[in-house]
Amino acid sequence: MVFDSISELFAFASSAYSVPSILFYGPFRLFSQEGTQQGDPLGPLLFCNTVQPLLLSLASEMTFGYLDDFTLAGDVATVAQDVSRIADLSSKMGLVLNAAKCELVAHSSLVLLSCRVGRCGLR
C-alpha cells in the first residue's frame, strides 16, 4: 500500500519494517515484529495511509478523519450505513470500532429505537 500511494517512502518503510527489530532489555533480546510502535514518527502516516481508502468509500455528505477519529454527517440512513461499513471493513483490517467512544449528534426529532454497532433502528 505504501508503494502505491507514497512511493517516495517505500524504500525507507521497507528497510525499517521488513525485518524484525531486535530490542534489548538487560540480558534479554526481544524481536519486534508488529509494525510501528507507540511514538514511531511514521506510525500516524502509515495508519492514515491504510484507512484513507475506507474514508473515500463512504457515502455520507461529510466524511473526514484525524488519525483514528472519524466524523460523518448527512442523511441519517446514509450515515448509519457508513457506520456499518466502517465496522465491517475496519474489522477486516484488524481494527475494532469502539462503540463506547462513539457519539451521535442529531436533531431533537430523531428517535433512536435501538443501536448496536452496525445496526441502528431509527425513526
PDB file of N, CA and C in Angstrom:
ATOM      1  N   MET A   1       0.815  -1.185   0.000  1.00  0.00           N
ATOM      2  CA  MET A   1       0.000   0.000   0.000  1.00  0.00           C
ATOM      3  C   MET A   1       0.869   1.264   0.000  1.00  0.00           C
ATOM      4  N   VAL A   2       1.991   1.246   0.720  1.00  0.00           N
ATOM      5  CA  VAL A   2       2.884   2.410   0.750  1.00  0.00           C
ATOM      6  C   VAL A   2       3.448   2.654  -0.643  1.00  0.00           C
ATOM      7  N   PHE A   3       3.819   1.585  -1.327  1.00  0.00           N
ATOM      8  CA  PHE A   3       4.397   1.729  -2.670  1.00  0.00           C
ATOM      9  C   PHE A   3       3.417   2.403  -3.619  1.00  0.00           C
ATOM     10  N   ASP A   4       2.124   2.055  -3.510  1.00  0.00           N
ATOM     11  CA  ASP A   4       1.115   2.599  -4.427  1.00  0.00           C
ATOM     12  C   ASP A   4       0.782   4.062  -4.161  1.00  0.00           C
ATOM     13  N   SER A   5       0.803   4.485  -2.904  1.00  0.00           N
ATOM     14  CA  SER A   5       0.325   5.836  -2.603  1.00  0.00           C
ATOM     15  C   SER A   5       1.415   6.827  -2.198  1.00  0.00           C
ATOM     16  N   ILE A   6       2.451   6.382  -1.546  1.00  0.00           N
ATOM     17  CA  ILE A   6       3.558   7.281  -1.179  1.00  0.00           C
ATOM     18  C   ILE A   6       4.874   6.579  -1.511  1.00  0.00           C
ATOM     19  N   SER A   7       5.088   6.377  -2.786  1.00  0.00           N
ATOM     20  CA  SER A   7       6.238   5.598  -3.251  1.00  0.00           C
ATOM     21  C   SER A   7       7.576   6.189  -2.823  1.00  0.00           C
ATOM     22  N   GLU A   8       7.609   7.497  -2.553  1.00  0.00           N
ATOM     23  CA  GLU A   8       8.854   8.126  -2.124  1.00  0.00           C
ATOM     24  C   GLU A   8       9.345   7.540  -0.795  1.00  0.00           C
ATOM     25  N   LEU A   9       8.441   7.051   0.030  1.00  0.00           N
ATOM     26  CA  LEU A   9       8.800   6.499   1.334  1.00  0.00           C
ATOM     27  C   LEU A   9       8.951   4.983   1.334  1.00  0.00           C
ATOM     28  N   PHE A  10       8.678   4.349   0.197  1.00  0.00           N
ATOM     29  CA  PHE A  10       8.664   2.886   0.172  1.00  0.00           C
ATOM     30  C   PHE A  10       9.997   2.283   0.598  1.00  0.00           C
ATOM     31  N   ALA A  11      11.101   2.765   0.062  1.00  0.00           N
ATOM     32  CA  ALA A  11      12.412   2.186   0.395  1.00  0.00           C
ATOM     33  C   ALA A  11      12.703   2.331   1.881  1.00  0.00           C
ATOM     34  N   PHE A  12      12.393   3.499   2.429  1.00  0.00           N
ATOM     35  CA  PHE A  12      12.631   3.721   3.857  1.00  0.00           C
ATOM     36  C   PHE A  12      11.727   2.824   4.706  1.00  0.00           C
ATOM     37  N   ALA A  13      10.430   2.783   4.386  1.00  0.00           N
ATOM     38  CA  ALA A  13       9.486   1.956   5.157  1.00  0.00           C
ATOM     39  C   ALA A  13       9.864   0.486   5.062  1.00  0.00           C
ATOM     40  N   SER A  14      10.273   0.058   3.894  1.00  0.00           N
ATOM     41  CA  SER A  14      10.664  -1.337   3.704  1.00  0.00           C
ATOM     42  C   SER A  14      11.890  -1.673   4.547  1.00  0.00           C
ATOM     43  N   SER A  15      12.878  -0.781   4.546  1.00  0.00           N
ATOM     44  CA  SER A  15      14.085  -1.062   5.338  1.00  0.00           C
ATOM     45  C   SER A  15      13.789  -1.013   6.839  1.00  0.00           C
ATOM     46  N   ALA A  16      12.834  -0.182   7.255  1.00  0.00           N
ATOM     47  CA  ALA A  16      12.517  -0.056   8.679  1.00  0.00           C
ATOM     48  C   ALA A  16      11.635  -1.182   9.197  1.00  0.00           C
ATOM     49  N   TYR A  17      10.758  -1.731   8.351  1.00  0.00           N
ATOM     50  CA  TYR A  17       9.747  -2.662   8.853  1.00  0.00           C
ATOM     51  C   TYR A  17       9.744  -4.041   8.206  1.00  0.00           C
ATOM     52  N   SER A  18      10.594  -4.300   7.233  1.00  0.00           N
ATOM     53  CA  SER A  18      10.523  -5.588   6.526  1.00  0.00           C
ATOM     54  C   SER A  18      11.134  -6.737   7.318  1.00  0.00           C
ATOM     55  N   VAL A  19      12.018  -6.445   8.260  1.00  0.00           N
ATOM     56  CA  VAL A  19      12.595  -7.488   9.115  1.00  0.00           C
ATOM     57  C   VAL A  19      12.411  -7.071  10.574  1.00  0.00           C
ATOM     58  N   PRO A  20      12.286  -8.037  11.481  1.00  0.00           N
ATOM     59  CA  PRO A  20      12.093  -7.693  12.889  1.00  0.00           C
ATOM     60  C   PRO A  20      13.270  -6.894  13.456  1.00  0.00           C
ATOM     61  N   SER A  21      12.958  -5.937  14.305  1.00  0.00           N
ATOM     62  CA  SER A  21      13.987  -5.201  15.037  1.00  0.00           C
ATOM     63  C   SER A  21      14.313  -5.982  16.302  1.00  0.00           C
ATOM     64  N   ILE A  22      15.558  -5.906  16.729  1.00  0.00           N
ATOM     65  CA  ILE A  22      15.939  -6.559  17.972  1.00  0.00           C
ATOM     66  C   ILE A  22      15.963  -5.498  19.064  1.00  0.00           C
ATOM     67  N   LEU A  23      15.135  -5.695  20.080  1.00  0.00           N
ATOM     68  CA  LEU A  23      15.066  -4.788  21.218  1.00  0.00           C
ATOM     69  C   LEU A  23      15.818  -5.424  22.378  1.00  0.00           C
ATOM     70  N   PHE A  24      16.659  -4.652  23.021  1.00  0.00           N
ATOM     71  CA  PHE A  24      17.463  -5.162  24.126  1.00  0.00           C
ATOM     72  C   PHE A  24      16.905  -4.651  25.444  1.00  0.00           C
ATOM     73  N   TYR A  25      16.715  -5.567  26.396  1.00  0.00           N
ATOM     74  CA  TYR A  25      16.261  -5.217  27.741  1.00  0.00           C
ATOM     75  C   TYR A  25      17.122  -6.010  28.710  1.00  0.00           C
ATOM     76  N   GLY A  26      18.138  -5.357  29.240  1.00  0.00           N
ATOM     77  CA  GLY A  26      19.091  -6.062  30.109  1.00  0.00           C
ATOM     78  C   GLY A  26      19.719  -7.213  29.333  1.00  0.00           C
ATOM     79  N   PRO A  27      19.678  -8.415  29.886  1.00  0.00           N
ATOM     80  CA  PRO A  27      20.271  -9.561  29.192  1.00  0.00           C
ATOM     81  C   PRO A  27      19.330 -10.186  28.144  1.00  0.00           C
ATOM     82  N   PHE A  28      18.135  -9.646  28.037  1.00  0.00           N
ATOM     83  CA  PHE A  28      17.137 -10.239  27.146  1.00  0.00           C
ATOM     84  C   PHE A  28      17.129  -9.549  25.781  1.00  0.00           C
ATOM     85  N   ARG A  29      16.823 -10.325  24.769  1.00  0.00           N
ATOM     86  CA  ARG A  29      16.622  -9.791  23.414  1.00  0.00           C
ATOM     87  C   ARG A  29      15.202 -10.137  22.985  1.00  0.00           C
ATOM     88  N   LEU A  30      14.502  -9.150  22.456  1.00  0.00           N
ATOM     89  CA  LEU A  30      13.112  -9.318  22.057  1.00  0.00           C
ATOM     90  C   LEU A  30      12.986  -8.882  20.604  1.00  0.00           C
ATOM     91  N   PHE A  31      12.340  -9.708  19.791  1.00  0.00           N
ATOM     92  CA  PHE A  31      12.152  -9.364  18.387  1.00  0.00           C
ATOM     93  C   PHE A  31      10.834  -8.609  18.227  1.00  0.00           C
ATOM     94  N   SER A  32      10.908  -7.404  17.722  1.00  0.00           N
ATOM     95  CA  SER A  32       9.725  -6.575  17.490  1.00  0.00           C
ATOM     96  C   SER A  32       9.238  -6.846  16.080  1.00  0.00           C
ATOM     97  N   GLN A  33       8.088  -7.515  15.957  1.00  0.00           N
ATOM     98  CA  GLN A  33       7.604  -7.944  14.652  1.00  0.00           C
ATOM     99  C   GLN A  33       6.228  -7.408  14.311  1.00  0.00           C
ATOM    100  N   GLU A  34       5.716  -6.442  15.032  1.00  0.00           N
ATOM    101  CA  GLU A  34       4.340  -5.995  14.843  1.00  0.00           C
ATOM    102  C   GLU A  34       4.223  -4.602  14.236  1.00  0.00           C
ATOM    103  N   GLY A  35       5.088  -4.225  13.345  1.00  0.00           N
ATOM    104  CA  GLY A  35       4.967  -2.929  12.687  1.00  0.00           C
ATOM    105  C   GLY A  35       5.415  -1.790  13.572  1.00  0.00           C
ATOM    106  N   THR A  36       4.759  -0.653  13.420  1.00  0.00           N
ATOM    107  CA  THR A  36       5.170   0.537  14.155  1.00  0.00           C
ATOM    108  C   THR A  36       4.847   0.399  15.640  1.00  0.00           C
ATOM    109  N   GLN A  37       5.610   1.087  16.439  1.00  0.00           N
ATOM    110  CA  GLN A  37       5.422   1.085  17.889  1.00  0.00           C
ATOM    111  C   GLN A  37       4.936   2.461  18.330  1.00  0.00           C
ATOM    112  N   GLN A  38       4.424   2.540  19.536  1.00  0.00           N
ATOM    113  CA  GLN A  38       3.993   3.814  20.108  1.00  0.00           C
ATOM    114  C   GLN A  38       5.148   4.810  20.024  1.00  0.00           C
ATOM    115  N   GLY A  39       4.874   6.002  19.519  1.00  0.00           N
ATOM    116  CA  GLY A  39       5.897   7.028  19.407  1.00  0.00           C
ATOM    117  C   GLY A  39       6.687   6.994  18.108  1.00  0.00           C
ATOM    118  N   ASP A  40       6.471   5.973  17.279  1.00  0.00           N
ATOM    119  CA  ASP A  40       7.163   5.889  15.984  1.00  0.00           C
ATOM    120  C   ASP A  40       6.683   7.043  15.112  1.00  0.00           C
ATOM    121  N   PRO A  41       7.576   7.895  14.623  1.00  0.00           N
ATOM    122  CA  PRO A  41       7.132   9.061  13.843  1.00  0.00           C
ATOM    123  C   PRO A  41       6.426   8.703  12.534  1.00  0.00           C
ATOM    124  N   LEU A  42       6.661   7.521  11.994  1.00  0.00           N
ATOM    125  CA  LEU A  42       5.961   7.123  10.761  1.00  0.00           C
ATOM    126  C   LEU A  42       4.612   6.467  11.043  1.00  0.00           C
ATOM    127  N   GLY A  43       4.351   6.085  12.289  1.00  0.00           N
ATOM    128  CA  GLY A  43       3.115   5.387  12.638  1.00  0.00           C
ATOM    129  C   GLY A  43       1.849   6.092  12.177  1.00  0.00           C
ATOM    130  N   PRO A  44       1.657   7.380  12.532  1.00  0.00           N
ATOM    131  CA  PRO A  44       0.428   8.066  12.106  1.00  0.00           C
ATOM    132  C   PRO A  44       0.268   8.132  10.585  1.00  0.00           C
ATOM    133  N   LEU A  45       1.357   8.381   9.875  1.00  0.00           N
ATOM    134  CA  LEU A  45       1.276   8.443   8.410  1.00  0.00           C
ATOM    135  C   LEU A  45       0.879   7.094   7.824  1.00  0.00           C
ATOM    136  N   LEU A  46       1.484   6.029   8.307  1.00  0.00           N
ATOM    137  CA  LEU A  46       1.164   4.701   7.780  1.00  0.00           C
ATOM    138  C   LEU A  46      -0.268   4.294   8.139  1.00  0.00           C
ATOM    139  N   PHE A  47      -0.728   4.655   9.330  1.00  0.00           N
ATOM    140  CA  PHE A  47      -2.115   4.364   9.708  1.00  0.00           C
ATOM    141  C   PHE A  47      -3.086   5.105   8.802  1.00  0.00           C
ATOM    142  N   CYS A  48      -2.858   6.410   8.626  1.00  0.00           N
ATOM    143  CA  CYS A  48      -3.755   7.210   7.781  1.00  0.00           C
ATOM    144  C   CYS A  48      -3.742   6.722   6.341  1.00  0.00           C
ATOM    145  N   ASN A  49      -2.590   6.302   5.868  1.00  0.00           N
ATOM    146  CA  ASN A  49      -2.484   5.761   4.517  1.00  0.00           C
ATOM    147  C   ASN A  49      -3.336   4.498   4.371  1.00  0.00           C
ATOM    148  N   THR A  50      -3.449   3.739   5.444  1.00  0.00           N
ATOM    149  CA  THR A  50      -4.231   2.500   5.416  1.00  0.00           C
ATOM    150  C   THR A  50      -5.732   2.768   5.447  1.00  0.00           C
ATOM    151  N   VAL A  51      -6.189   3.726   6.267  1.00  0.00           N
ATOM    152  CA  VAL A  51      -7.631   3.957   6.404  1.00  0.00           C
ATOM    153  C   VAL A  51      -8.195   4.949   5.380  1.00  0.00           C
ATOM    154  N   GLN A  52      -7.354   5.653   4.649  1.00  0.00           N
ATOM    155  CA  GLN A  52      -7.845   6.626   3.662  1.00  0.00           C
ATOM    156  C   GLN A  52      -8.779   5.999   2.623  1.00  0.00           C
ATOM    157  N   PRO A  53      -8.453   4.827   2.056  1.00  0.00           N
ATOM    158  CA  PRO A  53      -9.403   4.219   1.099  1.00  0.00           C
ATOM    159  C   PRO A  53     -10.769   3.927   1.725  1.00  0.00           C
ATOM    160  N   LEU A  54     -10.802   3.547   3.000  1.00  0.00           N
ATOM    161  CA  LEU A  54     -12.071   3.322   3.697  1.00  0.00           C
ATOM    162  C   LEU A  54     -12.864   4.618   3.761  1.00  0.00           C
ATOM    163  N   LEU A  55     -12.235   5.717   4.161  1.00  0.00           N
ATOM    164  CA  LEU A  55     -12.929   7.009   4.231  1.00  0.00           C
ATOM    165  C   LEU A  55     -13.449   7.434   2.865  1.00  0.00           C
ATOM    166  N   LEU A  56     -12.659   7.204   1.826  1.00  0.00           N
ATOM    167  CA  LEU A  56     -13.078   7.596   0.478  1.00  0.00           C
ATOM    168  C   LEU A  56     -14.248   6.756  -0.035  1.00  0.00           C
ATOM    169  N   SER A  57     -14.451   5.570   0.537  1.00  0.00           N
ATOM    170  CA  SER A  57     -15.530   4.689   0.068  1.00  0.00           C
ATOM    171  C   SER A  57     -16.883   5.010   0.706  1.00  0.00           C
ATOM    172  N   LEU A  58     -16.914   5.924   1.674  1.00  0.00           N
ATOM    173  CA  LEU A  58     -18.156   6.227   2.385  1.00  0.00           C
ATOM    174  C   LEU A  58     -19.044   7.165   1.576  1.00  0.00           C
ATOM    175  N   ALA A  59     -20.351   7.086   1.803  1.00  0.00           N
ATOM    176  CA  ALA A  59     -21.318   7.844   1.010  1.00  0.00           C
ATOM    177  C   ALA A  59     -21.880   9.072   1.730  1.00  0.00           C
ATOM    178  N   SER A  60     -21.554   9.271   2.992  1.00  0.00           N
ATOM    179  CA  SER A  60     -22.079  10.418   3.733  1.00  0.00           C
ATOM    180  C   SER A  60     -21.644  11.725   3.083  1.00  0.00           C
ATOM    181  N   GLU A  61     -22.471  12.764   3.279  1.00  0.00           N
ATOM    182  CA  GLU A  61     -22.158  14.069   2.686  1.00  0.00           C
ATOM    183  C   GLU A  61     -20.828  14.614   3.187  1.00  0.00           C
ATOM    184  N   MET A  62     -20.547  14.395   4.458  1.00  0.00           N
ATOM    185  CA  MET A  62     -19.283  14.854   5.024  1.00  0.00           C
ATOM    186  C   MET A  62     -18.603  13.673   5.690  1.00  0.00           C
ATOM    187  N   THR A  63     -17.376  13.414   5.283  1.00  0.00           N
ATOM    188  CA  THR A  63     -16.564  12.381   5.929  1.00  0.00           C
ATOM    189  C   THR A  63     -15.161  12.930   6.093  1.00  0.00           C
ATOM    190  N   PHE A  64     -14.671  12.897   7.296  1.00  0.00           N
ATOM    191  CA  PHE A  64     -13.264  13.216   7.491  1.00  0.00           C
ATOM    192  C   PHE A  64     -12.742  12.478   8.707  1.00  0.00           C
ATOM    193  N   GLY A  65     -11.448  12.340   8.727  1.00  0.00           N
ATOM    194  CA  GLY A  65     -10.824  11.631   9.821  1.00  0.00           C
ATOM    195  C   GLY A  65      -9.552  12.323  10.246  1.00  0.00           C
ATOM    196  N   TYR A  66      -9.263  12.221  11.515  1.00  0.00           N
ATOM    197  CA  TYR A  66      -7.990  12.661  12.062  1.00  0.00           C
ATOM    198  C   TYR A  66      -7.448  11.461  12.820  1.00  0.00           C
ATOM    199  N   LEU A  67      -6.450  10.832  12.241  1.00  0.00           N
ATOM    200  CA  LEU A  67      -5.913   9.585  12.760  1.00  0.00           C
ATOM    201  C   LEU A  67      -7.044   8.574  12.939  1.00  0.00           C
ATOM    202  N   ASP A  68      -7.358   8.144  14.157  1.00  0.00           N
ATOM    203  CA  ASP A  68      -8.393   7.121  14.319  1.00  0.00           C
ATOM    204  C   ASP A  68      -9.746   7.686  14.729  1.00  0.00           C
ATOM    205  N   ASP A  69      -9.932   9.003  14.612  1.00  0.00           N
ATOM    206  CA  ASP A  69     -11.227   9.628  14.886  1.00  0.00           C
ATOM    207  C   ASP A  69     -11.890  10.006  13.570  1.00  0.00           C
ATOM    208  N   PHE A  70     -13.059   9.458  13.310  1.00  0.00           N
ATOM    209  CA  PHE A  70     -13.801   9.745  12.086  1.00  0.00           C
ATOM    210  C   PHE A  70     -15.037  10.572  12.428  1.00  0.00           C
ATOM    211  N   THR A  71     -15.408  11.470  11.532  1.00  0.00           N
ATOM    212  CA  THR A  71     -16.629  12.252  11.668  1.00  0.00           C
ATOM    213  C   THR A  71     -17.436  12.092  10.392  1.00  0.00           C
ATOM    214  N   LEU A  72     -18.710  11.767  10.543  1.00  0.00           N
ATOM    215  CA  LEU A  72     -19.619  11.600   9.412  1.00  0.00           C
ATOM    216  C   LEU A  72     -20.817  12.508   9.626  1.00  0.00           C
ATOM    217  N   ALA A  73     -21.346  13.051   8.549  1.00  0.00           N
ATOM    218  CA  ALA A  73     -22.553  13.861   8.636  1.00  0.00           C
ATOM    219  C   ALA A  73     -23.348  13.713   7.357  1.00  0.00           C
ATOM    220  N   GLY A  74     -24.662  13.831   7.493  1.00  0.00           N
ATOM    221  CA  GLY A  74     -25.539  13.741   6.337  1.00  0.00           C
ATOM    222  C   GLY A  74     -26.852  13.082   6.703  1.00  0.00           C
ATOM    223  N   ASP A  75     -27.505  12.541   5.710  1.00  0.00           N
ATOM    224  CA  ASP A  75     -28.762  11.837   5.880  1.00  0.00           C
ATOM    225  C   ASP A  75     -28.594  10.697   6.885  1.00  0.00           C
ATOM    226  N   VAL A  76     -29.565  10.539   7.773  1.00  0.00           N
ATOM    227  CA  VAL A  76     -29.482   9.559   8.861  1.00  0.00           C
ATOM    228  C   VAL A  76     -29.231   8.151   8.329  1.00  0.00           C
ATOM    229  N   ALA A  77     -29.979   7.746   7.319  1.00  0.00           N
ATOM    230  CA  ALA A  77     -29.828   6.384   6.791  1.00  0.00           C
ATOM    231  C   ALA A  77     -28.450   6.177   6.170  1.00  0.00           C
ATOM    232  N   THR A  78     -27.947   7.177   5.481  1.00  0.00           N
ATOM    233  CA  THR A  78     -26.632   7.075   4.844  1.00  0.00           C
ATOM    234  C   THR A  78     -25.535   6.989   5.894  1.00  0.00           C
ATOM    235  N   VAL A  79     -25.616   7.823   6.918  1.00  0.00           N
ATOM    236  CA  VAL A  79     -24.613   7.789   7.991  1.00  0.00           C
ATOM    237  C   VAL A  79     -24.654   6.437   8.697  1.00  0.00           C
ATOM    238  N   ALA A  80     -25.856   5.922   8.962  1.00  0.00           N
ATOM    239  CA  ALA A  80     -25.987   4.613   9.613  1.00  0.00           C
ATOM    240  C   ALA A  80     -25.355   3.517   8.750  1.00  0.00           C
ATOM    241  N   GLN A  81     -25.577   3.570   7.439  1.00  0.00           N
ATOM    242  CA  GLN A  81     -24.949   2.596   6.530  1.00  0.00           C
ATOM    243  C   GLN A  81     -23.435   2.717   6.575  1.00  0.00           C
ATOM    244  N   ASP A  82     -22.937   3.953   6.604  1.00  0.00           N
ATOM    245  CA  ASP A  82     -21.488   4.161   6.638  1.00  0.00           C
ATOM    246  C   ASP A  82     -20.874   3.653   7.944  1.00  0.00           C
ATOM    247  N   VAL A  83     -21.582   3.824   9.057  1.00  0.00           N
ATOM    248  CA  VAL A  83     -21.077   3.287  10.327  1.00  0.00           C
ATOM    249  C   VAL A  83     -20.985   1.764  10.231  1.00  0.00           C
ATOM    250  N   SER A  84     -21.988   1.144   9.628  1.00  0.00           N
ATOM    251  CA  SER A  84     -21.950  -0.315   9.429  1.00  0.00           C
ATOM    252  C   SER A  84     -20.774  -0.702   8.551  1.00  0.00           C
ATOM    253  N   ARG A  85     -20.534   0.078   7.510  1.00  0.00           N
ATOM    254  CA  ARG A  85     -19.415  -0.193   6.598  1.00  0.00           C
ATOM    255  C   ARG A  85     -18.082  -0.060   7.335  1.00  0.00           C
ATOM    256  N   ILE A  86     -17.951   0.976   8.145  1.00  0.00           N
ATOM    257  CA  ILE A  86     -16.718   1.167   8.919  1.00  0.00           C
ATOM    258  C   ILE A  86     -16.494  -0.020   9.854  1.00  0.00           C
ATOM    259  N   ALA A  87     -17.544  -0.434  10.553  1.00  0.00           N
ATOM    260  CA  ALA A  87     -17.428  -1.564  11.483  1.00  0.00           C
ATOM    261  C   ALA A  87     -17.005  -2.826  10.743  1.00  0.00           C
ATOM    262  N   ASP A  88     -17.595  -3.083   9.584  1.00  0.00           N
ATOM    263  CA  ASP A  88     -17.292  -4.288   8.821  1.00  0.00           C
ATOM    264  C   ASP A  88     -15.883  -4.249   8.237  1.00  0.00           C
ATOM    265  N   LEU A  89     -15.561  -3.181   7.507  1.00  0.00           N
ATOM    266  CA  LEU A  89     -14.264  -3.123   6.831  1.00  0.00           C
ATOM    267  C   LEU A  89     -13.108  -2.934   7.800  1.00  0.00           C
ATOM    268  N   SER A  90     -13.319  -2.190   8.862  1.00  0.00           N
ATOM    269  CA  SER A  90     -12.220  -1.992   9.813  1.00  0.00           C
ATOM    270  C   SER A  90     -11.857  -3.305  10.496  1.00  0.00           C
ATOM    271  N   SER A  91     -12.848  -4.142  10.781  1.00  0.00           N
ATOM    272  CA  SER A  91     -12.540  -5.427  11.416  1.00  0.00           C
ATOM    273  C   SER A  91     -11.709  -6.301  10.482  1.00  0.00           C
ATOM    274  N   LYS A  92     -11.905  -6.169   9.188  1.00  0.00           N
ATOM    275  CA  LYS A  92     -11.099  -6.920   8.223  1.00  0.00           C
ATOM    276  C   LYS A  92      -9.666  -6.399   8.160  1.00  0.00           C
ATOM    277  N   MET A  93      -9.449  -5.167   8.638  1.00  0.00           N
ATOM    278  CA  MET A  93      -8.104  -4.586   8.684  1.00  0.00           C
ATOM    279  C   MET A  93      -7.454  -4.786  10.049  1.00  0.00           C
ATOM    280  N   GLY A  94      -8.154  -5.475  10.945  1.00  0.00           N
ATOM    281  CA  GLY A  94      -7.612  -5.698  12.276  1.00  0.00           C
ATOM    282  C   GLY A  94      -7.920  -4.577  13.252  1.00  0.00           C
ATOM    283  N   LEU A  95      -8.860  -3.718  12.908  1.00  0.00           N
ATOM    284  CA  LEU A  95      -9.254  -2.616  13.783  1.00  0.00           C
ATOM    285  C   LEU A  95     -10.617  -2.925  14.395  1.00  0.00           C
ATOM    286  N   VAL A  96     -10.923  -2.295  15.518  1.00  0.00           N
ATOM    287  CA  VAL A  96     -12.199  -2.505  16.187  1.00  0.00           C
ATOM    288  C   VAL A  96     -12.850  -1.153  16.427  1.00  0.00           C
ATOM    289  N   LEU A  97     -14.101  -1.031  16.013  1.00  0.00           N
ATOM    290  CA  LEU A  97     -14.864   0.179  16.286  1.00  0.00           C
ATOM    291  C   LEU A  97     -15.305   0.136  17.746  1.00  0.00           C
ATOM    292  N   ASN A  98     -14.881   1.094  18.527  1.00  0.00           N
ATOM    293  CA  ASN A  98     -15.206   1.137  19.953  1.00  0.00           C
ATOM    294  C   ASN A  98     -16.508   1.911  20.132  1.00  0.00           C
ATOM    295  N   ALA A  99     -17.612   1.166  20.244  1.00  0.00           N
ATOM    296  CA  ALA A  99     -18.942   1.788  20.343  1.00  0.00           C
ATOM    297  C   ALA A  99     -19.064   2.679  21.577  1.00  0.00           C
ATOM    298  N   ALA A 100     -18.325   2.373  22.637  1.00  0.00           N
ATOM    299  CA  ALA A 100     -18.396   3.186  23.859  1.00  0.00           C
ATOM    300  C   ALA A 100     -17.849   4.594  23.631  1.00  0.00           C
ATOM    301  N   LYS A 101     -17.019   4.767  22.611  1.00  0.00           N
ATOM    302  CA  LYS A 101     -16.456   6.089  22.330  1.00  0.00           C
ATOM    303  C   LYS A 101     -17.168   6.787  21.173  1.00  0.00           C
ATOM    304  N   CYS A 102     -18.187   6.151  20.608  1.00  0.00           N
ATOM    305  CA  CYS A 102     -18.935   6.755  19.506  1.00  0.00           C
ATOM    306  C   CYS A 102     -19.959   7.734  20.055  1.00  0.00           C
ATOM    307  N   GLU A 103     -20.235   8.764  19.298  1.00  0.00           N
ATOM    308  CA  GLU A 103     -21.183   9.789  19.728  1.00  0.00           C
ATOM    309  C   GLU A 103     -22.130  10.095  18.578  1.00  0.00           C
ATOM    310  N   LEU A 104     -23.405  10.229  18.897  1.00  0.00           N
ATOM    311  CA  LEU A 104     -24.420  10.586  17.921  1.00  0.00           C
ATOM    312  C   LEU A 104     -24.940  11.973  18.259  1.00  0.00           C
ATOM    313  N   VAL A 105     -24.814  12.889  17.308  1.00  0.00           N
ATOM    314  CA  VAL A 105     -25.366  14.234  17.466  1.00  0.00           C
ATOM    315  C   VAL A 105     -26.440  14.363  16.394  1.00  0.00           C
ATOM    316  N   ALA A 106     -27.685  14.613  16.815  1.00  0.00           N
ATOM    317  CA  ALA A 106     -28.791  14.627  15.863  1.00  0.00           C
ATOM    318  C   ALA A 106     -29.830  15.670  16.260  1.00  0.00           C
ATOM    319  N   HIS A 107     -30.721  15.914  15.339  1.00  0.00           N
ATOM    320  CA  HIS A 107     -31.850  16.815  15.579  1.00  0.00           C
ATOM    321  C   HIS A 107     -32.720  16.232  16.687  1.00  0.00           C
ATOM    322  N   SER A 108     -33.335  17.071  17.481  1.00  0.00           N
ATOM    323  CA  SER A 108     -34.135  16.604  18.612  1.00  0.00           C
ATOM    324  C   SER A 108     -35.327  15.746  18.201  1.00  0.00           C
ATOM    325  N   SER A 109     -35.743  15.812  16.941  1.00  0.00           N
ATOM    326  CA  SER A 109     -36.879  15.000  16.498  1.00  0.00           C
ATOM    327  C   SER A 109     -36.475  13.568  16.142  1.00  0.00           C
ATOM    328  N   LEU A 110     -35.183  13.269  16.099  1.00  0.00           N
ATOM    329  CA  LEU A 110     -34.733  11.916  15.792  1.00  0.00           C
ATOM    330  C   LEU A 110     -34.952  11.025  17.003  1.00  0.00           C
ATOM    331  N   VAL A 111     -35.601   9.883  16.779  1.00  0.00           N
ATOM    332  CA  VAL A 111     -35.832   8.929  17.858  1.00  0.00           C
ATOM    333  C   VAL A 111     -34.991   7.700  17.559  1.00  0.00           C
ATOM    334  N   LEU A 112     -34.128   7.374  18.495  1.00  0.00           N
ATOM    335  CA  LEU A 112     -33.270   6.212  18.362  1.00  0.00           C
ATOM    336  C   LEU A 112     -33.936   5.057  19.093  1.00  0.00           C
ATOM    337  N   LEU A 113     -34.420   4.074  18.339  1.00  0.00           N
ATOM    338  CA  LEU A 113     -35.127   2.948  18.937  1.00  0.00           C
ATOM    339  C   LEU A 113     -34.158   1.976  19.583  1.00  0.00           C
ATOM    340  N   SER A 114     -33.097   1.649  18.879  1.00  0.00           N
ATOM    341  CA  SER A 114     -32.062   0.762  19.404  1.00  0.00           C
ATOM    342  C   SER A 114     -30.831   0.959  18.547  1.00  0.00           C
ATOM    343  N   CYS A 115     -29.685   0.671  19.115  1.00  0.00           N
ATOM    344  CA  CYS A 115     -28.469   0.815  18.315  1.00  0.00           C
ATOM    345  C   CYS A 115     -27.395  -0.114  18.836  1.00  0.00           C
ATOM    346  N   ARG A 116     -26.893  -0.891  17.946  1.00  0.00           N
ATOM    347  CA  ARG A 116     -25.682  -1.672  18.149  1.00  0.00           C
ATOM    348  C   ARG A 116     -24.792  -1.319  16.990  1.00  0.00           C
ATOM    349  N   VAL A 117     -23.501  -1.484  17.130  1.00  0.00           N
ATOM    350  CA  VAL A 117     -22.607  -1.157  16.031  1.00  0.00           C
ATOM    351  C   VAL A 117     -23.036  -1.973  14.814  1.00  0.00           C
ATOM    352  N   GLY A 118     -23.329  -1.264  13.743  1.00  0.00           N
ATOM    353  CA  GLY A 118     -23.727  -1.929  12.509  1.00  0.00           C
ATOM    354  C   GLY A 118     -25.233  -1.995  12.297  1.00  0.00           C
ATOM    355  N   ARG A 119     -26.034  -1.810  13.363  1.00  0.00           N
ATOM    356  CA  ARG A 119     -27.492  -1.884  13.216  1.00  0.00           C
ATOM    357  C   ARG A 119     -28.145  -0.859  14.110  1.00  0.00           C
ATOM    358  N   CYS A 120     -28.756   0.117  13.500  1.00  0.00           N
ATOM    359  CA  CYS A 120     -29.471   1.129  14.288  1.00  0.00           C
ATOM    360  C   CYS A 120     -30.906   1.183  13.821  1.00  0.00           C
ATOM    361  N   GLY A 121     -31.826   1.204  14.786  1.00  0.00           N
ATOM    362  CA  GLY A 121     -33.232   1.384  14.469  1.00  0.00           C
ATOM    363  C   GLY A 121     -33.573   2.855  14.666  1.00  0.00           C
ATOM    364  N   LEU A 122     -33.859   3.530  13.594  1.00  0.00           N
ATOM    365  CA  LEU A 122     -34.135   4.980  13.646  1.00  0.00           C
ATOM    366  C   LEU A 122     -35.556   5.240  13.217  1.00  0.00           C
ATOM    367  N   ARG A 123     -36.118   6.320  13.752  1.00  0.00           N
ATOM    368  CA  ARG A 123     -37.456   6.721  13.310  1.00  0.00           C
ATOM    369  C   ARG A 123     -37.443   8.213  13.114  1.00  0.00           C
TER     370      ARG A 123
END
